[in-house]
Amino acid sequence: DLALSSVMMNLLMEEELDLDNSVEIALIGQLNSTQWSALRSQLQGRIQLNVENQATIVQVEAEHLPAYSIETLEALFS
């Protein structure tokens, strides 16, 4: 949680972005299939990690979501 907060704060400060129009990151715990189904329609992308659990990504049907690396996020805000 602290690492993501730090990355987002650095991106926002570097680009002098308004907090009202920023990216929202939410960490979530274990969800059942009904909860994932309800959440999936709200998701706009995911942060790509160096080590990812591909089976879980497929299980929650998130493989179609755009995956953004930290570098990609930095480019989006510049």
N, C-alpha and C. Protein backbone atom coordinates (compact mmCIF):
# COMPACT_ATOMS: atom_id res chain seq x y z
N ASP A 1 0.83 -1.19 0.00
CA ASP A 1 0.00 0.00 0.00
C ASP A 1 0.88 1.25 0.00
N LEU A 2 1.89 1.23 0.84
CA LEU A 2 2.81 2.37 0.93
C LEU A 2 3.57 2.58 -0.38
N ALA A 3 3.99 1.48 -1.01
CA ALA A 3 4.74 1.60 -2.26
C ALA A 3 3.89 2.22 -3.36
N LEU A 4 2.64 1.78 -3.49
CA LEU A 4 1.75 2.35 -4.51
C LEU A 4 1.45 3.81 -4.22
N SER A 5 1.23 4.12 -2.96
CA SER A 5 0.96 5.52 -2.60
C SER A 5 2.15 6.40 -2.95
N SER A 6 3.34 5.90 -2.68
CA SER A 6 4.55 6.66 -2.98
C SER A 6 4.72 6.89 -4.48
N VAL A 7 4.50 5.84 -5.28
CA VAL A 7 4.61 5.98 -6.73
C VAL A 7 3.61 6.99 -7.25
N MET A 8 2.36 6.88 -6.82
CA MET A 8 1.33 7.80 -7.30
C MET A 8 1.60 9.23 -6.86
N MET A 9 2.03 9.43 -5.62
CA MET A 9 2.33 10.79 -5.17
C MET A 9 3.47 11.39 -5.98
N ASN A 10 4.51 10.59 -6.26
CA ASN A 10 5.62 11.09 -7.06
C ASN A 10 5.16 11.47 -8.46
N LEU A 11 4.33 10.63 -9.08
CA LEU A 11 3.82 10.96 -10.41
C LEU A 11 2.97 12.23 -10.40
N LEU A 12 2.12 12.35 -9.41
CA LEU A 12 1.26 13.53 -9.32
C LEU A 12 2.07 14.80 -9.08
N MET A 13 3.08 14.71 -8.22
CA MET A 13 3.89 15.88 -7.91
C MET A 13 4.77 16.26 -9.10
N GLU A 14 5.37 15.27 -9.77
CA GLU A 14 6.23 15.55 -10.91
C GLU A 14 5.48 16.25 -12.03
N GLU A 15 4.27 15.82 -12.26
CA GLU A 15 3.48 16.36 -13.37
C GLU A 15 2.55 17.48 -12.93
N GLU A 16 2.58 17.83 -11.65
CA GLU A 16 1.73 18.88 -11.09
C GLU A 16 0.27 18.68 -11.48
N LEU A 17 -0.20 17.45 -11.31
CA LEU A 17 -1.58 17.11 -11.66
C LEU A 17 -2.52 17.44 -10.52
N ASP A 18 -3.71 17.79 -10.88
CA ASP A 18 -4.76 18.07 -9.91
C ASP A 18 -5.27 16.74 -9.36
N LEU A 19 -5.41 16.65 -8.07
CA LEU A 19 -5.86 15.41 -7.45
C LEU A 19 -7.27 15.03 -7.86
N ASP A 20 -8.08 15.97 -8.29
CA ASP A 20 -9.45 15.68 -8.71
C ASP A 20 -9.51 14.89 -10.02
N ASN A 21 -8.47 14.98 -10.83
CA ASN A 21 -8.47 14.32 -12.14
C ASN A 21 -7.39 13.24 -12.22
N SER A 22 -7.11 12.58 -11.15
CA SER A 22 -6.00 11.64 -11.12
C SER A 22 -6.47 10.19 -11.23
N VAL A 23 -5.50 9.32 -11.33
CA VAL A 23 -5.74 7.89 -11.37
C VAL A 23 -6.09 7.42 -9.97
N GLU A 24 -7.03 6.50 -9.90
CA GLU A 24 -7.39 5.93 -8.61
C GLU A 24 -6.94 4.49 -8.57
N ILE A 25 -6.18 4.14 -7.54
CA ILE A 25 -5.71 2.77 -7.35
C ILE A 25 -6.37 2.23 -6.10
N ALA A 26 -6.92 1.04 -6.21
CA ALA A 26 -7.57 0.41 -5.06
C ALA A 26 -7.02 -0.98 -4.88
N LEU A 27 -6.51 -1.24 -3.69
CA LEU A 27 -6.06 -2.59 -3.36
C LEU A 27 -7.25 -3.36 -2.82
N ILE A 28 -7.40 -4.57 -3.28
CA ILE A 28 -8.54 -5.37 -2.85
C ILE A 28 -8.06 -6.71 -2.34
N GLY A 29 -8.83 -7.30 -1.48
CA GLY A 29 -8.52 -8.62 -0.95
C GLY A 29 -9.12 -9.70 -1.83
N GLN A 30 -9.36 -10.83 -1.24
CA GLN A 30 -9.96 -11.96 -1.96
C GLN A 30 -11.42 -11.67 -2.25
N LEU A 31 -11.80 -11.81 -3.51
CA LEU A 31 -13.19 -11.61 -3.92
C LEU A 31 -13.71 -12.91 -4.50
N ASN A 32 -15.00 -13.14 -4.32
CA ASN A 32 -15.59 -14.32 -4.95
C ASN A 32 -15.97 -13.97 -6.40
N SER A 33 -16.43 -14.95 -7.16
CA SER A 33 -16.70 -14.72 -8.59
C SER A 33 -17.80 -13.69 -8.82
N THR A 34 -18.80 -13.64 -7.96
CA THR A 34 -19.86 -12.65 -8.10
C THR A 34 -19.32 -11.24 -7.87
N GLN A 35 -18.47 -11.08 -6.87
CA GLN A 35 -17.87 -9.77 -6.60
C GLN A 35 -16.97 -9.34 -7.75
N TRP A 36 -16.17 -10.28 -8.30
CA TRP A 36 -15.31 -9.96 -9.44
C TRP A 36 -16.14 -9.54 -10.64
N SER A 37 -17.23 -10.23 -10.85
CA SER A 37 -18.09 -9.91 -11.98
C SER A 37 -18.64 -8.49 -11.87
N ALA A 38 -19.05 -8.11 -10.68
CA ALA A 38 -19.57 -6.75 -10.47
C ALA A 38 -18.46 -5.71 -10.61
N LEU A 39 -17.27 -6.03 -10.15
CA LEU A 39 -16.16 -5.08 -10.18
C LEU A 39 -15.57 -4.92 -11.58
N ARG A 40 -15.53 -6.00 -12.33
CA ARG A 40 -14.85 -6.01 -13.63
C ARG A 40 -15.34 -4.90 -14.57
N SER A 41 -16.62 -4.60 -14.55
CA SER A 41 -17.14 -3.57 -15.45
C SER A 41 -16.64 -2.17 -15.08
N GLN A 42 -16.13 -2.01 -13.88
CA GLN A 42 -15.63 -0.72 -13.42
C GLN A 42 -14.13 -0.53 -13.66
N LEU A 43 -13.43 -1.62 -13.93
CA LEU A 43 -11.97 -1.57 -14.07
C LEU A 43 -11.58 -0.98 -15.42
N GLN A 44 -10.57 -0.12 -15.42
CA GLN A 44 -10.09 0.52 -16.63
C GLN A 44 -8.70 0.02 -17.04
N GLY A 45 -8.02 -0.67 -16.15
CA GLY A 45 -6.69 -1.17 -16.42
C GLY A 45 -6.09 -1.77 -15.17
N ARG A 46 -4.87 -2.24 -15.31
CA ARG A 46 -4.17 -2.81 -14.16
C ARG A 46 -2.70 -2.43 -14.25
N ILE A 47 -2.04 -2.41 -13.11
CA ILE A 47 -0.61 -2.13 -13.08
C ILE A 47 0.12 -3.44 -13.30
N GLN A 48 0.98 -3.45 -14.29
CA GLN A 48 1.74 -4.64 -14.64
C GLN A 48 2.90 -4.80 -13.66
N LEU A 49 3.02 -5.98 -13.09
CA LEU A 49 4.08 -6.27 -12.14
C LEU A 49 5.13 -7.16 -12.79
N ASN A 50 6.36 -7.11 -12.26
CA ASN A 50 7.43 -7.96 -12.80
C ASN A 50 7.09 -9.43 -12.64
N VAL A 51 6.48 -9.78 -11.52
CA VAL A 51 6.07 -11.16 -11.26
C VAL A 51 4.56 -11.15 -11.05
N GLU A 52 3.84 -11.79 -11.97
CA GLU A 52 2.39 -11.81 -11.91
C GLU A 52 1.87 -13.24 -11.86
N ASN A 53 0.75 -13.41 -11.22
CA ASN A 53 0.10 -14.71 -11.18
C ASN A 53 -0.86 -14.78 -12.36
N GLN A 54 -0.38 -15.32 -13.48
CA GLN A 54 -1.17 -15.37 -14.71
C GLN A 54 -2.44 -16.19 -14.55
N ALA A 55 -2.38 -17.24 -13.74
CA ALA A 55 -3.57 -18.07 -13.52
C ALA A 55 -4.68 -17.25 -12.88
N THR A 56 -4.34 -16.39 -11.94
CA THR A 56 -5.34 -15.55 -11.28
C THR A 56 -5.88 -14.50 -12.25
N ILE A 57 -5.01 -13.93 -13.06
CA ILE A 57 -5.45 -12.94 -14.04
C ILE A 57 -6.47 -13.56 -14.99
N VAL A 58 -6.21 -14.77 -15.44
CA VAL A 58 -7.15 -15.48 -16.32
C VAL A 58 -8.42 -15.84 -15.55
N GLN A 59 -8.26 -16.30 -14.32
CA GLN A 59 -9.41 -16.73 -13.51
C GLN A 59 -10.41 -15.60 -13.32
N VAL A 60 -9.92 -14.39 -13.10
CA VAL A 60 -10.83 -13.25 -12.87
C VAL A 60 -11.16 -12.52 -14.17
N GLU A 61 -10.73 -13.11 -15.29
CA GLU A 61 -11.00 -12.57 -16.62
C GLU A 61 -10.49 -11.14 -16.77
N ALA A 62 -9.28 -10.91 -16.29
CA ALA A 62 -8.67 -9.58 -16.37
C ALA A 62 -7.61 -9.51 -17.46
N GLU A 63 -7.43 -10.57 -18.23
CA GLU A 63 -6.39 -10.56 -19.26
C GLU A 63 -6.69 -9.57 -20.38
N HIS A 64 -7.94 -9.17 -20.54
CA HIS A 64 -8.30 -8.19 -21.58
C HIS A 64 -8.05 -6.75 -21.14
N LEU A 65 -7.82 -6.53 -19.85
CA LEU A 65 -7.59 -5.16 -19.36
C LEU A 65 -6.23 -4.65 -19.82
N PRO A 66 -6.15 -3.39 -20.18
CA PRO A 66 -4.83 -2.83 -20.50
C PRO A 66 -3.92 -2.91 -19.27
N ALA A 67 -2.69 -3.35 -19.49
CA ALA A 67 -1.70 -3.45 -18.41
C ALA A 67 -0.72 -2.30 -18.56
N TYR A 68 -0.60 -1.51 -17.52
CA TYR A 68 0.27 -0.34 -17.54
C TYR A 68 1.48 -0.57 -16.66
N SER A 69 2.67 -0.37 -17.22
CA SER A 69 3.88 -0.40 -16.43
C SER A 69 4.05 0.97 -15.77
N ILE A 70 4.94 1.06 -14.83
CA ILE A 70 5.20 2.35 -14.19
C ILE A 70 5.66 3.35 -15.24
N GLU A 71 6.49 2.91 -16.19
CA GLU A 71 6.96 3.80 -17.24
C GLU A 71 5.81 4.31 -18.11
N THR A 72 4.86 3.42 -18.39
CA THR A 72 3.69 3.80 -19.18
C THR A 72 2.86 4.84 -18.44
N LEU A 73 2.67 4.61 -17.14
CA LEU A 73 1.91 5.58 -16.35
C LEU A 73 2.59 6.94 -16.34
N GLU A 74 3.92 6.93 -16.24
CA GLU A 74 4.65 8.20 -16.27
C GLU A 74 4.43 8.91 -17.60
N ALA A 75 4.43 8.15 -18.70
CA ALA A 75 4.23 8.75 -20.02
C ALA A 75 2.81 9.30 -20.17
N LEU A 76 1.83 8.64 -19.58
CA LEU A 76 0.46 9.12 -19.66
C LEU A 76 0.29 10.47 -18.98
N PHE A 77 1.09 10.72 -17.96
CA PHE A 77 0.95 11.97 -17.21
C PHE A 77 1.89 13.06 -17.70
N SER A 78 2.67 12.78 -18.72
CA SER A 78 3.58 13.83 -19.18
C SER A 78 3.12 14.47 -20.46
